[in-house]
Amino acid sequence: MMKIALIFLTFMLSESNCLIENCETCSPLSKEVCINCNYKFIRDRLIGCVEEPARKSIIENCIKNINGRCEICSEGYEVYEGRCNPECLPGCSCFEPYECLKSHSRILCDDSNCLSCVFSSCDYCNTGYSLGTDGWCYSCPYNCYDCVSGICYKCNDGYDLSGNSCVIESTCNVDHCLTCSSTYVCSFCETGYGSDGYGNCQSCPYNCIDCIGSECYTCDSGYEVENGQCVIENTSCNVLNCLTCESSNVCSFCDYGYGADGYGGCGLCPVGCDDCLAGLCYICEDGYHLTLLLVCEPGNCDDPHCLKCNQIDFCDECSNGFKSDSYGGCISCPYGCEVCTSYSCSKCLNGYHFEGSVCAIDSSNGNGSGDGNGNGNGNDNGDGYNGGTSSNSELSLLSGFSLIVALVI
């Protein structure tokens, strides 16, 4: 049924009077586009149909013509009632294959405010109009430059958008105002002026540069805020145990053994603490070490083999025979080593000597001490380090074991 209606519509368009003179058949899309001229006329893309007396009747853009009816059209054309009609996208009128002439894009659209049509329905409206659900173009709100579905999003010059309306661009008529939210309501006042709560700007109190009403928040240089007013800055420091004041009642640097209490004053640091903040220590006195809880405790760390501890409970220097580990404690040096670092031994115990980078027990006499260069001297004192009470066989066994270790390393 729909196909029959379309054929009928096409027939009505093609059979009605064309707007192109001497045109035999108009395009079903437009009366302004001729697809085949009368006998002895040829189609011209700009003028229409021009006379060509010597020309015989032909079917333009036809490849196969049988008895005056085209069966096969050229590329870009389709057979329509024995003639070749240009193939086009909807809403276009074509003269050549695949070429849409924009000037004919709204021939079938009766809405003068439409920019582009698809058949009889508008697709895009001109600026200042918006497309309705019925396919027609409707004017945007008054003084609106452009809108979508009747909603304005840009006003004409000299107008401001207010909701969905365009109002005359506001001017600021408030004295000493930098920015107005409306003609008679200030949002930002000049320096030295503040809002009075009613959209006006009034002078701030004496020596005040920022205020709201009569209450000052920022004073001129040399003045400080006191109870909402500006008073001469007090250069004296009224904070106990304070070395330097930011203002008369606010300390910036506290004395030795005192720290900022968080309220502008200086509070006494805990026992063993040199410097603190709000009761938490971060520098301890000599003889104390700082724990991970920011508390100073007596002694050099919690490790009995530590000689010197830093400020966070980590050992910096261990006693002889020990070295610092990665956890802040002290661990034993390698076998036979008296002084070592994390990487190597620098001195062997008495009764040991260097063999390569390790300490090996001295020969069977059980005497000697290493100096790090392989030199030693006899000193059998039976202190447990040099093996003074060991038999020769034990010494030989240990020496052999050390040599094996040295060779493996």
Protein backbone atom coordinates (compact mmCIF):
# COMPACT_ATOMS: atom_id res chain seq x y z
CA MET A 1 0.00 0.00 0.00
CA MET A 2 2.83 2.36 0.94
CA LYS A 3 4.58 1.58 -2.35
CA ILE A 4 1.43 2.44 -4.34
CA ALA A 5 1.11 5.76 -2.47
CA LEU A 6 4.75 6.60 -3.20
CA ILE A 7 4.29 5.82 -6.91
CA PHE A 8 1.18 7.98 -6.98
CA LEU A 9 3.04 10.86 -5.27
CA THR A 10 5.91 10.50 -7.73
CA PHE A 11 3.50 10.46 -10.66
CA MET A 12 1.79 13.62 -9.44
CA LEU A 13 5.11 15.43 -9.09
CA SER A 14 6.45 14.39 -12.49
CA GLU A 15 3.23 14.99 -14.41
CA SER A 16 2.52 18.41 -12.89
CA ASN A 17 3.88 21.51 -14.60
CA CYS A 18 7.68 21.67 -14.28
CA LEU A 19 9.35 24.90 -13.42
CA ILE A 20 11.98 24.16 -16.09
CA GLU A 21 10.88 25.30 -19.54
CA ASN A 22 10.92 22.67 -22.34
CA CYS A 23 11.32 19.85 -19.81
CA GLU A 24 9.67 16.55 -20.65
CA THR A 25 10.06 14.95 -17.24
CA CYS A 26 10.89 16.56 -13.89
CA SER A 27 12.56 14.83 -10.99
CA PRO A 28 10.07 13.35 -8.53
CA LEU A 29 12.03 15.19 -5.87
CA SER A 30 11.64 18.66 -7.34
CA LYS A 31 9.88 20.61 -10.07
CA GLU A 32 13.08 22.63 -10.49
CA VAL A 33 15.15 19.65 -11.65
CA CYS A 34 14.65 18.30 -15.17
CA ILE A 35 15.77 14.74 -15.80
CA ASN A 36 14.82 14.65 -19.51
CA CYS A 37 14.16 17.54 -21.93
CA ASN A 38 11.62 17.73 -24.74
CA TYR A 39 12.45 16.59 -28.24
CA LYS A 40 15.16 18.75 -29.87
CA PHE A 41 16.23 20.09 -26.47
CA ILE A 42 19.17 19.06 -24.34
CA ARG A 43 19.55 19.47 -20.62
CA ASP A 44 21.92 22.12 -19.32
CA ARG A 45 22.77 21.88 -15.62
CA LEU A 46 22.61 25.66 -15.10
CA ILE A 47 19.96 26.88 -17.56
CA GLY A 48 17.71 23.82 -17.81
CA CYS A 49 16.71 22.70 -21.30
CA VAL A 50 18.33 24.44 -24.26
CA GLU A 51 17.38 24.03 -27.92
CA GLU A 52 19.40 21.75 -30.14
CA PRO A 53 17.64 21.55 -33.51
CA ALA A 54 19.92 18.90 -34.98
CA ARG A 55 19.64 16.62 -31.97
CA LYS A 56 17.42 13.56 -32.15
CA SER A 57 15.36 12.38 -29.22
CA ILE A 58 17.57 10.55 -26.77
CA ILE A 59 17.31 9.31 -23.22
CA GLU A 60 20.00 11.07 -21.25
CA ASN A 61 22.35 9.01 -19.07
CA CYS A 62 20.91 5.80 -20.55
CA ILE A 63 23.15 2.87 -21.43
CA LYS A 64 20.51 0.57 -22.90
CA ASN A 65 17.56 2.14 -24.82
CA ILE A 66 14.82 -0.16 -26.08
CA ASN A 67 12.03 1.44 -28.12
CA GLY A 68 12.38 4.81 -26.46
CA ARG A 69 12.47 3.42 -22.93
CA CYS A 70 15.67 3.05 -20.93
CA GLU A 71 16.42 -0.32 -19.41
CA ILE A 72 19.86 0.39 -17.92
CA CYS A 73 21.10 3.79 -16.71
CA SER A 74 24.62 5.14 -16.23
CA GLU A 75 26.31 4.95 -12.84
CA GLY A 76 24.68 7.33 -10.39
CA TYR A 77 21.28 7.14 -12.10
CA GLU A 78 18.34 4.81 -11.70
CA VAL A 79 15.55 3.83 -14.12
CA TYR A 80 12.33 5.70 -13.52
CA GLU A 81 9.42 5.33 -15.99
CA GLY A 82 11.82 4.63 -18.83
CA ARG A 83 14.04 7.57 -17.98
CA CYS A 84 17.20 7.95 -15.84
CA ASN A 85 16.67 9.74 -12.56
CA PRO A 86 19.71 10.78 -10.45
CA GLU A 87 20.37 8.73 -7.34
CA CYS A 88 20.44 11.09 -4.38
CA LEU A 89 20.39 11.16 -0.65
CA PRO A 90 17.00 12.18 0.79
CA GLY A 91 16.46 15.92 0.60
CA CYS A 92 18.87 16.50 -2.32
CA SER A 93 18.43 17.11 -6.05
CA CYS A 94 21.32 15.88 -8.16
CA PHE A 95 22.53 16.76 -11.65
CA GLU A 96 25.55 14.49 -11.69
CA PRO A 97 26.22 11.19 -9.95
CA TYR A 98 26.48 11.54 -6.17
CA GLU A 99 26.56 15.36 -6.29
CA CYS A 100 24.01 16.96 -3.99
CA LEU A 101 23.16 20.56 -4.88
CA LYS A 102 22.76 22.42 -1.60
CA SER A 103 20.78 25.20 -3.30
CA HIS A 104 18.00 22.67 -3.95
CA SER A 105 18.15 21.04 -0.51
CA ARG A 106 14.92 22.66 0.71
CA ILE A 107 12.86 22.84 -2.49
CA LEU A 108 10.19 20.56 -1.05
CA CYS A 109 10.13 22.37 2.31
CA ASP A 110 7.62 25.16 2.73
CA ASP A 111 9.14 26.53 5.95
CA SER A 112 11.21 29.64 5.12
CA ASN A 113 13.01 29.36 8.49
CA CYS A 114 14.34 25.90 7.66
CA LEU A 115 18.00 25.47 6.75
CA SER A 116 17.84 21.87 5.55
CA CYS A 117 14.89 19.57 4.81
CA VAL A 118 14.35 15.87 4.38
CA PHE A 119 11.42 15.70 1.94
CA SER A 120 8.67 17.84 3.50
CA SER A 121 10.09 17.80 7.06
CA CYS A 122 12.75 20.21 8.32
CA ASP A 123 16.01 18.75 9.55
CA TYR A 124 17.89 21.92 10.65
CA CYS A 125 16.53 25.41 11.35
CA ASN A 126 18.11 28.80 10.75
CA THR A 127 19.84 30.65 13.58
CA GLY A 128 17.24 32.13 15.91
CA TYR A 129 14.84 29.23 15.41
CA SER A 130 14.54 25.79 16.96
CA LEU A 131 13.09 22.61 15.52
CA GLY A 132 9.75 21.48 16.91
CA THR A 133 8.60 17.90 17.27
CA ASP A 134 6.29 18.43 14.29
CA GLY A 135 9.24 19.19 11.96
CA TRP A 136 8.58 22.94 11.76
CA CYS A 137 10.86 25.79 12.90
CA TYR A 138 9.78 28.03 15.77
CA SER A 139 11.26 31.35 16.84
CA CYS A 140 13.63 31.38 19.83
CA PRO A 141 12.69 33.48 22.90
CA TYR A 142 12.84 37.25 22.53
CA ASN A 143 16.41 38.56 21.96
CA CYS A 144 17.76 35.01 21.96
CA TYR A 145 20.48 34.38 19.38
CA ASP A 146 20.19 30.60 19.33
CA CYS A 147 18.18 27.95 21.12
CA VAL A 148 17.46 24.22 21.19
CA SER A 149 13.90 22.93 21.63
CA GLY A 150 12.84 26.42 22.66
CA ILE A 151 15.51 26.67 25.38
CA CYS A 152 17.84 29.64 24.89
CA TYR A 153 21.55 29.14 25.46
CA LYS A 154 22.95 32.31 23.84
CA CYS A 155 21.51 35.84 23.79
CA ASN A 156 21.98 38.67 21.32
CA ASP A 157 24.70 41.24 21.99
CA GLY A 158 23.74 43.59 24.80
CA TYR A 159 21.63 40.98 26.59
CA ASP A 160 22.34 38.52 29.40
CA LEU A 161 20.80 35.09 29.84
CA SER A 162 18.55 34.89 32.89
CA GLY A 163 16.89 31.50 33.15
CA ASN A 164 15.34 31.01 29.71
CA SER A 165 15.00 34.73 29.03
CA CYS A 166 17.34 37.37 27.65
CA VAL A 167 17.45 40.57 29.69
CA ILE A 168 19.28 43.83 29.03
CA GLU A 169 22.94 43.51 29.96
CA SER A 170 23.36 44.78 33.51
CA THR A 171 25.60 47.67 34.52
CA CYS A 172 27.04 48.11 37.99
CA ASN A 173 25.51 51.14 39.69
CA VAL A 174 26.95 50.47 43.17
CA ASP A 175 29.65 52.89 44.37
CA HIS A 176 33.08 51.37 45.20
CA CYS A 177 32.03 48.02 43.71
CA LEU A 178 34.34 45.89 41.54
CA THR A 179 31.78 43.29 40.44
CA CYS A 180 27.99 43.40 40.53
CA SER A 181 25.73 40.37 40.59
CA SER A 182 22.97 42.65 39.32
CA THR A 183 22.62 46.34 38.57
CA TYR A 184 22.20 47.40 42.20
CA VAL A 185 23.75 44.46 44.11
CA CYS A 186 27.53 44.29 44.61
CA SER A 187 29.33 40.98 44.98
CA PHE A 188 32.93 42.30 45.41
CA CYS A 189 33.83 45.70 46.87
CA GLU A 190 37.00 47.74 46.39
CA THR A 191 39.89 47.47 48.87
CA GLY A 192 39.00 49.36 52.02
CA TYR A 193 35.29 48.78 51.51
CA GLY A 194 33.03 45.94 52.56
CA SER A 195 29.48 44.78 52.05
CA ASP A 196 26.84 46.32 54.27
CA GLY A 197 24.64 43.25 53.90
CA TYR A 198 22.23 44.98 51.52
CA GLY A 199 24.26 44.89 48.29
CA ASN A 200 26.06 48.18 48.91
CA CYS A 201 29.72 48.92 49.71
CA GLN A 202 30.59 50.88 52.83
CA SER A 203 33.93 52.09 54.15
CA CYS A 204 35.83 49.68 56.41
CA PRO A 205 36.96 50.76 59.90
CA TYR A 206 40.08 52.91 60.22
CA ASN A 207 43.28 51.19 58.92
CA CYS A 208 41.25 48.17 57.75
CA ILE A 209 41.56 46.86 54.19
CA ASP A 210 39.04 43.99 54.31
CA CYS A 211 35.83 43.91 56.27
CA ILE A 212 32.21 42.85 56.39
CA GLY A 213 30.05 45.52 57.87
CA SER A 214 31.97 47.11 60.73
CA GLU A 215 34.04 44.01 61.52
CA CYS A 216 37.59 43.99 60.15
CA TYR A 217 39.42 40.85 58.99
CA THR A 218 42.65 42.29 57.53
CA CYS A 219 44.48 45.41 58.70
CA ASP A 220 47.03 47.72 57.11
CA SER A 221 50.73 47.12 57.71
CA GLY A 222 51.69 48.03 61.27
CA TYR A 223 48.25 47.19 62.62
CA GLU A 224 46.66 44.02 63.91
CA VAL A 225 43.07 42.87 64.37
CA GLU A 226 41.73 43.05 67.88
CA ASN A 227 38.01 42.42 68.47
CA GLY A 228 37.20 43.22 64.84
CA GLN A 229 39.08 46.53 64.89
CA CYS A 230 42.60 47.55 63.81
CA VAL A 231 44.97 48.57 66.60
CA ILE A 232 48.66 49.49 66.47
CA GLU A 233 50.71 46.33 66.27
CA ASN A 234 52.30 45.40 69.60
CA THR A 235 55.97 44.73 68.87
CA SER A 236 56.67 43.43 72.38
CA CYS A 237 56.47 39.68 72.99
CA ASN A 238 54.07 38.75 75.79
CA VAL A 239 54.51 34.98 75.47
CA LEU A 240 56.54 33.27 78.22
CA ASN A 241 59.59 31.24 77.13
CA CYS A 242 59.37 32.69 73.60
CA LEU A 243 62.41 33.88 71.63
CA THR A 244 60.51 35.50 68.72
CA CYS A 245 56.88 36.57 68.52
CA GLU A 246 54.76 36.68 65.40
CA SER A 247 52.50 39.11 67.22
CA SER A 248 52.36 40.24 70.82
CA ASN A 249 50.48 37.11 71.91
CA VAL A 250 51.62 34.56 69.31
CA CYS A 251 55.08 32.96 69.48
CA SER A 252 56.91 31.86 66.34
CA PHE A 253 60.09 30.41 68.01
CA CYS A 254 60.13 29.02 71.56
CA ASP A 255 63.09 28.89 73.93
CA TYR A 256 65.33 25.83 74.40
CA GLY A 257 63.38 23.01 76.07
CA TYR A 258 60.03 24.49 75.07
CA GLY A 259 57.81 23.93 72.06
CA ALA A 260 54.74 25.44 70.43
CA ASP A 261 51.56 24.36 72.18
CA GLY A 262 49.30 24.97 69.18
CA TYR A 263 47.67 28.05 70.71
CA GLY A 264 50.44 30.61 70.18
CA GLY A 265 52.16 29.83 73.49
CA CYS A 266 55.21 27.77 74.49
CA GLY A 267 54.84 24.58 76.51
CA LEU A 268 57.54 22.73 78.46
CA CYS A 269 58.95 19.78 76.55
CA PRO A 270 58.96 16.32 78.19
CA VAL A 271 61.98 15.12 80.21
CA GLY A 272 65.02 14.45 78.03
CA CYS A 273 63.63 16.45 75.10
CA ASP A 274 65.39 19.44 73.54
CA ASP A 275 62.67 20.48 71.09
CA CYS A 276 59.04 19.50 70.81
CA LEU A 277 55.71 20.40 69.26
CA ALA A 278 52.43 20.04 71.13
CA GLY A 279 54.09 17.68 73.64
CA LEU A 280 55.69 15.39 71.04
CA CYS A 281 59.48 15.39 70.92
CA TYR A 282 61.60 15.36 67.79
CA ILE A 283 65.06 16.21 69.22
CA CYS A 284 66.33 14.53 72.41
CA GLU A 285 68.98 15.65 74.90
CA ASP A 286 72.34 13.87 75.10
CA GLY A 287 71.97 10.56 76.89
CA TYR A 288 68.46 10.03 75.52
CA HIS A 289 67.18 8.46 72.36
CA LEU A 290 63.99 9.08 70.42
CA THR A 291 61.55 6.19 70.07
CA LEU A 292 59.14 5.67 67.23
CA LEU A 293 56.43 7.06 69.51
CA LEU A 294 58.30 10.43 69.57
CA VAL A 295 59.26 9.98 73.23
CA CYS A 296 62.79 10.44 74.63
CA GLU A 297 64.05 7.52 76.71
CA PRO A 298 67.35 7.24 78.63
CA GLY A 299 70.29 5.42 77.06
CA ASN A 300 71.63 4.83 73.61
CA CYS A 301 68.76 3.03 71.98
CA ASP A 302 67.33 -0.24 73.22
CA ASP A 303 70.24 -2.32 71.92
CA PRO A 304 72.93 -3.00 74.58
CA HIS A 305 75.63 -3.18 71.87
CA CYS A 306 74.85 0.31 70.51
CA LEU A 307 77.31 3.15 71.29
CA LYS A 308 75.46 5.97 69.51
CA CYS A 309 71.82 6.20 68.49
CA ASN A 310 70.19 8.71 66.14
CA GLN A 311 66.93 10.53 66.80
CA ILE A 312 64.57 7.78 65.67
CA ASP A 313 65.74 4.81 67.77
CA PHE A 314 68.20 3.57 65.12
CA CYS A 315 71.79 2.74 66.05
CA ASP A 316 74.46 4.75 64.24
CA GLU A 317 77.52 3.17 65.89
CA CYS A 318 77.85 -0.31 67.42
CA SER A 319 80.49 -1.59 69.86
CA ASN A 320 83.47 -3.68 68.70
CA GLY A 321 82.46 -7.05 67.35
CA PHE A 322 79.10 -5.74 66.13
CA LYS A 323 77.74 -3.84 63.15
CA SER A 324 74.48 -2.01 62.35
CA ASP A 325 71.76 -3.92 60.56
CA SER A 326 68.98 -2.61 58.35
CA TYR A 327 66.53 -2.60 61.26
CA GLY A 328 68.48 -0.14 63.42
CA GLY A 329 69.98 -2.75 65.76
CA CYS A 330 73.43 -4.32 66.17
CA ILE A 331 74.44 -7.79 64.96
CA SER A 332 77.68 -9.72 65.42
CA CYS A 333 80.61 -9.23 63.06
CA PRO A 334 81.76 -12.21 60.97
CA TYR A 335 83.67 -14.99 62.75
CA GLY A 336 87.00 -13.77 64.17
CA CYS A 337 86.36 -10.10 63.29
CA GLU A 338 86.68 -7.35 65.89
CA VAL A 339 85.75 -4.24 63.84
CA CYS A 340 83.43 -4.40 60.85
CA THR A 341 80.99 -2.44 58.75
CA SER A 342 77.89 -3.59 56.94
CA TYR A 343 80.07 -4.70 54.03
CA SER A 344 83.48 -5.90 55.31
CA CYS A 345 85.80 -6.58 58.25
CA SER A 346 88.50 -4.00 58.99
CA LYS A 347 90.21 -5.63 62.00
CA CYS A 348 90.51 -9.22 63.21
CA LEU A 349 90.44 -10.38 66.84
CA ASN A 350 93.66 -11.26 68.63
CA GLY A 351 94.71 -14.73 67.49
CA TYR A 352 93.25 -14.22 63.99
CA HIS A 353 94.63 -12.87 60.77
CA PHE A 354 93.26 -11.92 57.36
CA GLU A 355 93.10 -14.49 54.61
CA GLY A 356 91.54 -12.63 51.73
CA SER A 357 88.58 -10.76 53.18
CA VAL A 358 87.92 -13.07 56.16
CA CYS A 359 89.61 -13.64 59.51
CA ALA A 360 91.35 -16.99 59.96
CA ILE A 361 92.77 -18.35 63.21
CA ASP A 362 96.53 -18.03 63.64
CA SER A 363 98.94 -20.98 63.38
CA SER A 364 99.24 -23.72 66.05
CA ASN A 365 101.06 -21.49 68.52
CA GLY A 366 97.71 -19.78 69.11
CA ASN A 367 99.32 -16.35 69.21
CA GLY A 368 99.00 -13.21 67.10
CA SER A 369 96.62 -10.43 66.22
CA GLY A 370 95.55 -9.02 62.87
CA ASP A 371 95.79 -5.40 61.87
CA GLY A 372 93.81 -5.67 58.66
CA ASN A 373 96.96 -6.09 56.51
CA GLY A 374 97.76 -9.68 57.29
CA ASN A 375 100.37 -8.82 60.00
CA GLY A 376 100.12 -10.21 63.51
CA ASN A 377 102.00 -10.66 66.79
CA GLY A 378 101.88 -13.34 69.45
CA ASN A 379 99.64 -12.73 72.45
CA ASP A 380 98.25 -15.87 74.02
CA ASN A 381 96.31 -14.54 76.99
CA GLY A 382 93.55 -17.15 77.07
CA ASP A 383 90.79 -14.52 76.76
CA GLY A 384 88.61 -16.76 74.66
CA TYR A 385 89.23 -14.80 71.44
CA ASN A 386 92.59 -16.22 70.38
CA GLY A 387 92.00 -19.80 71.46
CA GLY A 388 94.80 -19.80 74.08
CA THR A 389 93.41 -22.88 75.84
CA SER A 390 92.85 -24.90 72.66
CA SER A 391 95.08 -27.82 71.69
CA ASN A 392 97.19 -27.80 68.56
CA SER A 393 94.83 -30.21 66.84
CA GLU A 394 91.84 -27.96 67.57
CA LEU A 395 93.73 -24.95 66.23
CA SER A 396 94.68 -26.79 63.08
CA LEU A 397 91.10 -27.91 62.58
CA LEU A 398 89.76 -24.37 63.00
CA SER A 399 92.47 -22.97 60.74
CA GLY A 400 91.58 -25.46 58.05
CA PHE A 401 87.87 -24.61 58.43
CA SER A 402 88.60 -20.88 58.08
CA LEU A 403 90.72 -21.51 55.02
CA ILE A 404 87.87 -23.47 53.40
CA VAL A 405 85.45 -20.64 54.17
CA ALA A 406 87.89 -18.14 52.66
CA LEU A 407 88.25 -20.21 49.50
CA VAL A 408 84.47 -20.56 49.14
CA ILE A 409 83.92 -16.81 49.56
